[in-house]
Amino acid sequence: MAALLRSIGLCLLATSVCAGLAAAPTSAQRVTATIDSSASVIDYTGTAPLHSWTGTSRSVRGEFVLDPNAPDSSRAVVRVPVASFDSGNDRRDRGMRDVTEADTYPFVEFRGTEFAPVVWGRGADGPVGRWAITGELTFHGQTHALDETVEVRAREGTVQATAQFPVSLSQFEVERPGFMGFTVGDTIRIDMDVVGRPPAK
């Protein structure tokens, strides 16, 4: 429900890490991509006693640059409309939009400020590994620090980024509404699967 992507918190990026990769070599490749909304998804999973549900958004926007040779030049922005999450239950989705005041605070946005490759190297199809990303997540008019590790895999023509992390509704001053007689849990889980496309050459 008020499961805000956190933007998405955002964090960015991609799938399995190849076994045997060592710490980022100085020759590791820079990755630049714009998020493709048609291929990207962010889910939130909320809980209540005896019940859980998932809301999905396919309206993810943003871009990122990861440069293992110059991490300070890396950047990431991920943005999702609050009202774009669909849990398959109109009543629940209306309640989510109400408690998150989606008309007043229509977006969840993550902006990365610090980047460090944890494991980064060359896989069979292209650069692959994990990045530690620190940034600011803005949601419901509140901004808080977010630190996450994101997995990234680059293939020809695409860059995939995946992450999973918890979000506290009370931290962002979101009221925990009742649904079917139960109050929803304070912590929601965010699952991000983002696909980016490199700029045209």
Protein backbone atom coordinates (compact mmCIF):
# COMPACT_ATOMS: atom_id res chain seq x y z
CA MET A 1 0.00 0.00 0.00
CA ALA A 2 1.57 3.21 0.80
CA ALA A 3 4.40 1.40 -0.33
CA LEU A 4 6.49 3.80 -1.91
CA LEU A 5 8.98 2.62 -4.01
CA ARG A 6 11.36 4.44 -2.16
CA SER A 7 12.67 5.41 -4.66
CA ILE A 8 13.36 4.07 -5.04
CA GLY A 9 14.90 4.79 -3.44
CA LEU A 10 16.55 4.25 -5.53
CA CYS A 11 19.23 2.85 -5.77
CA LEU A 12 19.87 1.38 -8.99
CA LEU A 13 20.94 -1.64 -10.57
CA ALA A 14 21.26 -5.10 -11.96
CA THR A 15 21.36 -8.87 -11.69
CA SER A 16 23.62 -11.64 -10.65
CA VAL A 17 27.24 -11.12 -9.91
CA CYS A 18 29.62 -13.37 -11.78
CA ALA A 19 31.53 -15.74 -9.54
CA GLY A 20 35.20 -15.07 -9.31
CA LEU A 21 35.13 -11.30 -9.93
CA ALA A 22 37.75 -9.44 -7.94
CA ALA A 23 37.75 -5.85 -6.70
CA ALA A 24 37.19 -3.31 -9.47
CA PRO A 25 40.15 -3.16 -11.84
CA THR A 26 41.31 0.24 -13.00
CA SER A 27 40.42 -0.74 -16.56
CA ALA A 28 36.77 -1.49 -15.65
CA GLN A 29 34.23 -0.03 -18.02
CA ARG A 30 32.03 3.06 -17.44
CA VAL A 31 28.28 2.43 -17.75
CA THR A 32 25.78 5.13 -18.84
CA ALA A 33 22.05 4.52 -19.36
CA THR A 34 18.59 6.11 -19.44
CA ILE A 35 15.87 4.05 -17.75
CA ASP A 36 13.46 2.35 -20.17
CA SER A 37 9.99 2.49 -18.55
CA SER A 38 8.63 -0.14 -20.90
CA ALA A 39 11.08 -2.72 -19.52
CA SER A 40 11.40 -1.58 -15.88
CA VAL A 41 9.30 -2.32 -12.80
CA ILE A 42 9.25 -1.37 -9.12
CA ASP A 43 7.10 -3.34 -6.66
CA TYR A 44 6.21 -2.67 -3.06
CA THR A 45 4.94 -5.37 -0.71
CA GLY A 46 2.86 -4.36 2.29
CA THR A 47 1.72 -6.53 5.19
CA ALA A 48 -1.09 -6.72 7.73
CA PRO A 49 -2.01 -9.54 10.11
CA LEU A 50 -2.77 -12.64 8.05
CA HIS A 51 -2.42 -10.73 4.79
CA SER A 52 0.15 -9.27 2.39
CA TRP A 53 -0.11 -7.65 -1.04
CA THR A 54 2.04 -6.18 -3.79
CA GLY A 55 1.66 -2.96 -5.77
CA THR A 56 3.46 -2.51 -9.06
CA SER A 57 4.59 0.53 -11.05
CA ARG A 58 5.83 0.46 -14.63
CA SER A 59 6.30 4.23 -14.82
CA VAL A 60 9.92 4.39 -13.68
CA ARG A 61 12.02 7.26 -15.04
CA GLY A 62 15.62 8.30 -14.58
CA GLU A 63 19.21 7.82 -15.61
CA PHE A 64 22.51 6.71 -14.18
CA VAL A 65 26.24 6.82 -14.82
CA LEU A 66 28.63 4.43 -13.06
CA ASP A 67 32.35 5.06 -13.53
CA PRO A 68 34.62 2.69 -11.54
CA ASN A 69 37.70 4.68 -12.56
CA ALA A 70 36.23 7.96 -11.26
CA PRO A 71 33.42 7.11 -8.78
CA ASP A 72 32.94 10.79 -7.89
CA SER A 73 31.71 11.42 -11.44
CA SER A 74 28.99 8.75 -11.10
CA ARG A 75 25.38 9.79 -10.68
CA ALA A 76 21.90 8.30 -10.45
CA VAL A 77 18.35 9.64 -10.46
CA VAL A 78 15.25 7.41 -10.19
CA ARG A 79 11.72 8.85 -10.13
CA VAL A 80 8.31 7.15 -9.85
CA PRO A 81 4.78 8.63 -9.66
CA VAL A 82 3.10 7.61 -6.40
CA ALA A 83 -0.25 7.19 -8.13
CA SER A 84 1.21 4.73 -10.66
CA PHE A 85 1.26 1.79 -8.22
CA ASP A 86 -1.42 -0.81 -8.90
CA SER A 87 -2.15 -3.54 -6.34
CA GLY A 88 -5.17 -4.94 -8.16
CA ASN A 89 -7.55 -3.50 -5.54
CA ASP A 90 -9.03 -0.06 -6.30
CA ARG A 91 -10.06 0.60 -2.69
CA ARG A 92 -6.60 -0.19 -1.37
CA ASP A 93 -4.92 1.91 -4.06
CA ARG A 94 -7.17 4.89 -3.30
CA GLY A 95 -6.26 4.54 0.37
CA MET A 96 -2.57 4.47 -0.51
CA ARG A 97 -2.90 7.65 -2.55
CA ASP A 98 -4.80 9.33 0.30
CA VAL A 99 -2.29 8.56 3.09
CA THR A 100 0.68 9.44 0.92
CA GLU A 101 -1.04 12.65 -0.23
CA ALA A 102 -0.21 11.81 -3.82
CA ASP A 103 -1.84 14.98 -5.15
CA THR A 104 0.47 17.13 -3.02
CA TYR A 105 3.57 14.91 -3.24
CA PRO A 106 3.17 13.16 -6.60
CA PHE A 107 6.62 11.59 -6.92
CA VAL A 108 9.09 9.46 -5.05
CA GLU A 109 12.64 10.32 -6.08
CA PHE A 110 16.09 8.96 -5.29
CA ARG A 111 19.27 10.89 -6.05
CA GLY A 112 22.62 9.19 -5.60
CA THR A 113 25.41 11.23 -4.01
CA GLU A 114 28.19 8.71 -3.29
CA PHE A 115 29.19 5.66 -5.31
CA ALA A 116 31.71 2.87 -4.78
CA PRO A 117 32.17 -0.35 -6.77
CA VAL A 118 32.13 -3.30 -4.36
CA VAL A 119 32.76 -5.92 -7.02
CA TRP A 120 33.05 -4.84 -10.65
CA GLY A 121 34.61 -6.53 -13.64
CA ARG A 122 34.09 -8.04 -17.04
CA GLY A 123 31.57 -10.87 -17.39
CA ALA A 124 30.82 -12.99 -20.43
CA ASP A 125 28.39 -10.40 -21.83
CA GLY A 126 29.82 -7.16 -20.42
CA PRO A 127 30.49 -5.33 -17.13
CA VAL A 128 28.89 -6.95 -14.07
CA GLY A 129 29.01 -6.53 -10.31
CA ARG A 130 27.74 -4.70 -7.24
CA TRP A 131 27.82 -1.00 -6.31
CA ALA A 132 27.37 0.59 -2.90
CA ILE A 133 25.26 3.72 -3.41
CA THR A 134 24.46 6.44 -0.89
CA GLY A 135 21.89 9.09 -1.65
CA GLU A 136 18.72 10.90 -0.68
CA LEU A 137 15.21 9.50 -0.96
CA THR A 138 12.37 12.03 -1.14
CA PHE A 139 8.87 10.76 -0.41
CA HIS A 140 5.77 12.37 1.11
CA GLY A 141 7.58 15.69 1.42
CA GLN A 142 10.35 14.13 3.52
CA THR A 143 13.96 13.51 2.50
CA HIS A 144 16.15 10.89 4.20
CA ALA A 145 19.49 9.25 3.52
CA LEU A 146 19.47 5.88 1.83
CA ASP A 147 22.39 3.43 1.65
CA GLU A 148 22.00 0.34 -0.48
CA THR A 149 23.96 -2.17 -2.54
CA VAL A 150 22.72 -2.57 -6.10
CA GLU A 151 23.56 -5.34 -8.52
CA VAL A 152 24.29 -4.38 -12.10
CA ARG A 153 24.76 -6.28 -15.34
CA ALA A 154 25.49 -4.66 -18.69
CA ARG A 155 24.84 -6.43 -21.95
CA GLU A 156 25.02 -5.03 -25.43
CA GLY A 157 22.20 -2.52 -25.72
CA THR A 158 20.95 -2.78 -22.11
CA VAL A 159 21.97 -2.29 -18.50
CA GLN A 160 19.94 -4.12 -15.83
CA ALA A 161 19.88 -3.04 -12.19
CA THR A 162 18.20 -4.90 -9.33
CA ALA A 163 17.82 -4.19 -5.63
CA GLN A 164 15.62 -5.06 -2.66
CA PHE A 165 15.29 -2.99 0.52
CA PRO A 166 12.89 -2.06 3.34
CA VAL A 167 11.13 1.31 3.76
CA SER A 168 9.62 2.61 7.01
CA LEU A 169 6.35 4.48 6.52
CA SER A 170 6.67 6.25 9.88
CA GLN A 171 10.11 7.58 8.94
CA PHE A 172 8.48 9.42 6.05
CA GLU A 173 5.53 10.49 8.22
CA VAL A 174 3.02 8.39 6.30
CA GLU A 175 -0.06 7.40 8.27
CA ARG A 176 -0.54 3.64 8.50
CA PRO A 177 -4.13 3.14 7.37
CA GLY A 178 -6.45 0.31 8.21
CA PHE A 179 -7.66 -2.15 5.62
CA MET A 180 -10.21 -4.94 6.22
CA GLY A 181 -10.08 -4.16 9.94
CA PHE A 182 -6.29 -4.33 10.28
CA THR A 183 -3.57 -1.68 10.45
CA VAL A 184 -0.85 -2.17 7.87
CA GLY A 185 2.71 -2.85 8.99
CA ASP A 186 5.19 0.01 9.21
CA THR A 187 7.79 -1.63 6.97
CA ILE A 188 7.22 -2.23 3.29
CA ARG A 189 9.59 -4.12 1.00
CA ILE A 190 10.73 -2.56 -2.27
CA ASP A 191 11.83 -4.73 -5.19
CA MET A 192 13.41 -2.92 -8.11
CA ASP A 193 14.20 -4.33 -11.55
CA VAL A 194 15.31 -1.49 -13.80
CA VAL A 195 16.51 -1.72 -17.40
CA GLY A 196 18.46 1.13 -18.97
CA ARG A 197 19.48 1.84 -22.54
CA PRO A 198 22.83 3.42 -23.38
CA PRO A 199 22.67 6.71 -25.30
CA ALA A 200 22.66 6.40 -29.07
CA LYS A 201 26.07 6.72 -30.62
